[in-house]
Structure formats: structure tokens, C-alpha cells
Amino acid sequence: NEIQIALRKSLKNLTSKQQEIIYLRFDCDLSYEEISTILEISVDSCYKSVYRAIKTVKSDIETMLNNAGKMLLFLIVSISKKI
């Protein structure tokens, strides 16, 4: 439960563009190519934006939860393999 709260807080701290990209990638399960078309950005920019958003979320959660953040890191790594 604490991890979910920290995740929600961290996602709210992302820029609106990062929130949108994370939503499209993980909630809508769109490809990078599809996202880049929707947002009118390059595929490379899309990859970088997702990477940076995940990195920010990971850092925020580790700060918020200290040791509990390590469990979330495992989840993020698992999600990252989907990328």
C-alpha cells in the first residue's frame, strides 16, 4: 500500500508530457512508434522520455520509501524489460 501511494505521488510529480507518455506506454500498451505519432515527436525522443520518467519515478520512490523502494525497483526493472 505504501508503495502504491509513493508511486501515485511520484507520477503526479512528472511533467504532463511524461505522465502522458507513461500512460500511453503502460496503461494503453502502445508502441513507441504509435506514441511518437500521437505526440508528434521522434521515436528516439519517445524512448528517452519514457526512460527519464522511469528514472525519475525510481529515484523519487527510493527517496520516499528507502528500503521499501528496493521492492519497487524490482517492479520497475520488470516493466523496463517490456520496453
C-alpha atoms as a PDB file:
ATOM      1  CA  ASN A   1       0.000   0.000   0.000  1.00  0.00           C
ATOM      2  CA  GLU A   2       2.814   2.428   0.831  1.00  0.00           C
ATOM      3  CA  ILE A   3       4.457   1.658  -2.479  1.00  0.00           C
ATOM      4  CA  GLN A   4       1.247   2.430  -4.374  1.00  0.00           C
ATOM      5  CA  ILE A   5       0.904   5.740  -2.547  1.00  0.00           C
ATOM      6  CA  ALA A   6       4.528   6.644  -3.280  1.00  0.00           C
ATOM      7  CA  LEU A   7       4.094   5.633  -6.917  1.00  0.00           C
ATOM      8  CA  ARG A   8       0.993   7.819  -7.312  1.00  0.00           C
ATOM      9  CA  LYS A   9       2.795  10.774  -5.706  1.00  0.00           C
ATOM     10  CA  SER A  10       5.813  10.303  -7.913  1.00  0.00           C
ATOM     11  CA  LEU A  11       3.725  10.041 -11.081  1.00  0.00           C
ATOM     12  CA  LYS A  12       1.938  13.279 -10.155  1.00  0.00           C
ATOM     13  CA  ASN A  13       5.336  14.990  -9.894  1.00  0.00           C
ATOM     14  CA  LEU A  14       6.187  14.147 -13.504  1.00  0.00           C
ATOM     15  CA  THR A  15       5.613  16.733 -16.193  1.00  0.00           C
ATOM     16  CA  SER A  16       2.302  16.469 -18.012  1.00  0.00           C
ATOM     17  CA  LYS A  17       4.114  15.216 -21.107  1.00  0.00           C
ATOM     18  CA  GLN A  18       5.908  12.499 -19.101  1.00  0.00           C
ATOM     19  CA  GLN A  19       2.614  11.494 -17.480  1.00  0.00           C
ATOM     20  CA  GLU A  20       1.004  11.223 -20.894  1.00  0.00           C
ATOM     21  CA  ILE A  21       3.853   9.138 -22.321  1.00  0.00           C
ATOM     22  CA  ILE A  22       3.822   6.767 -19.321  1.00  0.00           C
ATOM     23  CA  TYR A  23       0.031   6.462 -19.631  1.00  0.00           C
ATOM     24  CA  LEU A  24       0.211   5.699 -23.343  1.00  0.00           C
ATOM     25  CA  ARG A  25       3.078   3.239 -22.951  1.00  0.00           C
ATOM     26  CA  PHE A  26       1.979   1.251 -19.921  1.00  0.00           C
ATOM     27  CA  ASP A  27      -1.752   1.808 -19.493  1.00  0.00           C
ATOM     28  CA  CYS A  28      -2.675   1.809 -23.176  1.00  0.00           C
ATOM     29  CA  ASP A  29       0.187  -0.551 -24.110  1.00  0.00           C
ATOM     30  CA  LEU A  30       1.060   1.455 -27.220  1.00  0.00           C
ATOM     31  CA  SER A  31       4.343   1.028 -29.055  1.00  0.00           C
ATOM     32  CA  TYR A  32       6.945   3.765 -29.159  1.00  0.00           C
ATOM     33  CA  GLU A  33       6.132   4.304 -32.819  1.00  0.00           C
ATOM     34  CA  GLU A  34       2.439   4.771 -32.041  1.00  0.00           C
ATOM     35  CA  ILE A  35       3.205   7.178 -29.215  1.00  0.00           C
ATOM     36  CA  SER A  36       5.599   9.190 -31.340  1.00  0.00           C
ATOM     37  CA  THR A  37       2.902   9.569 -33.997  1.00  0.00           C
ATOM     38  CA  ILE A  38       0.269  10.639 -31.460  1.00  0.00           C
ATOM     39  CA  LEU A  39       2.564  13.156 -29.746  1.00  0.00           C
ATOM     40  CA  GLU A  40       4.284  14.228 -32.979  1.00  0.00           C
ATOM     41  CA  ILE A  41       7.765  13.536 -31.627  1.00  0.00           C
ATOM     42  CA  SER A  42      10.537  11.276 -32.873  1.00  0.00           C
ATOM     43  CA  VAL A  43      10.685   7.664 -31.770  1.00  0.00           C
ATOM     44  CA  ASP A  44      14.073   8.395 -30.198  1.00  0.00           C
ATOM     45  CA  SER A  45      12.562  11.223 -28.134  1.00  0.00           C
ATOM     46  CA  CYS A  46       9.822   8.876 -27.054  1.00  0.00           C
ATOM     47  CA  TYR A  47      12.350   6.291 -25.806  1.00  0.00           C
ATOM     48  CA  LYS A  48      14.278   8.978 -23.942  1.00  0.00           C
ATOM     49  CA  SER A  49      11.152  10.440 -22.358  1.00  0.00           C
ATOM     50  CA  VAL A  50       9.996   7.050 -21.073  1.00  0.00           C
ATOM     51  CA  TYR A  51      13.478   6.280 -19.754  1.00  0.00           C
ATOM     52  CA  ARG A  52      13.747   9.633 -17.979  1.00  0.00           C
ATOM     53  CA  ALA A  53      10.264   9.332 -16.480  1.00  0.00           C
ATOM     54  CA  ILE A  54      11.021   5.846 -15.134  1.00  0.00           C
ATOM     55  CA  LYS A  55      14.346   7.066 -13.774  1.00  0.00           C
ATOM     56  CA  THR A  56      12.609   9.962 -12.017  1.00  0.00           C
ATOM     57  CA  VAL A  57       9.910   7.734 -10.551  1.00  0.00           C
ATOM     58  CA  LYS A  58      12.502   5.249  -9.342  1.00  0.00           C
ATOM     59  CA  SER A  59      14.551   7.967  -7.681  1.00  0.00           C
ATOM     60  CA  ASP A  60      11.504   9.582  -6.056  1.00  0.00           C
ATOM     61  CA  ILE A  61      10.231   6.316  -4.663  1.00  0.00           C
ATOM     62  CA  GLU A  62      13.609   5.253  -3.325  1.00  0.00           C
ATOM     63  CA  THR A  63      13.807   8.572  -1.531  1.00  0.00           C
ATOM     64  CA  MET A  64      10.271   8.244  -0.150  1.00  0.00           C
ATOM     65  CA  LEU A  65      10.492   4.651   0.936  1.00  0.00           C
ATOM     66  CA  ASN A  66      14.178   3.929   1.473  1.00  0.00           C
ATOM     67  CA  ASN A  67      14.324   0.139   1.761  1.00  0.00           C
ATOM     68  CA  ALA A  68      10.763  -0.433   0.580  1.00  0.00           C
ATOM     69  CA  GLY A  69      11.787   1.361  -2.614  1.00  0.00           C
ATOM     70  CA  LYS A  70      14.020  -1.568  -3.463  1.00  0.00           C
ATOM     71  CA  MET A  71      10.948  -3.721  -3.963  1.00  0.00           C
ATOM     72  CA  LEU A  72       9.563  -1.156  -6.362  1.00  0.00           C
ATOM     73  CA  LEU A  73      12.879  -1.043  -8.165  1.00  0.00           C
ATOM     74  CA  PHE A  74      12.392  -4.727  -8.867  1.00  0.00           C
ATOM     75  CA  LEU A  75       8.958  -3.951 -10.336  1.00  0.00           C
ATOM     76  CA  ILE A  76      10.324  -1.104 -12.436  1.00  0.00           C
ATOM     77  CA  VAL A  77      13.093  -3.305 -13.779  1.00  0.00           C
ATOM     78  CA  SER A  78      10.468  -5.868 -14.704  1.00  0.00           C
ATOM     79  CA  ILE A  79       8.440  -3.201 -16.505  1.00  0.00           C
ATOM     80  CA  SER A  80      11.575  -1.858 -18.177  1.00  0.00           C
ATOM     81  CA  LYS A  81      12.189  -5.248 -19.736  1.00  0.00           C
ATOM     82  CA  LYS A  82       8.883  -4.727 -21.520  1.00  0.00           C
ATOM     83  CA  ILE A  83      10.342  -1.616 -23.157  1.00  0.00           C
END
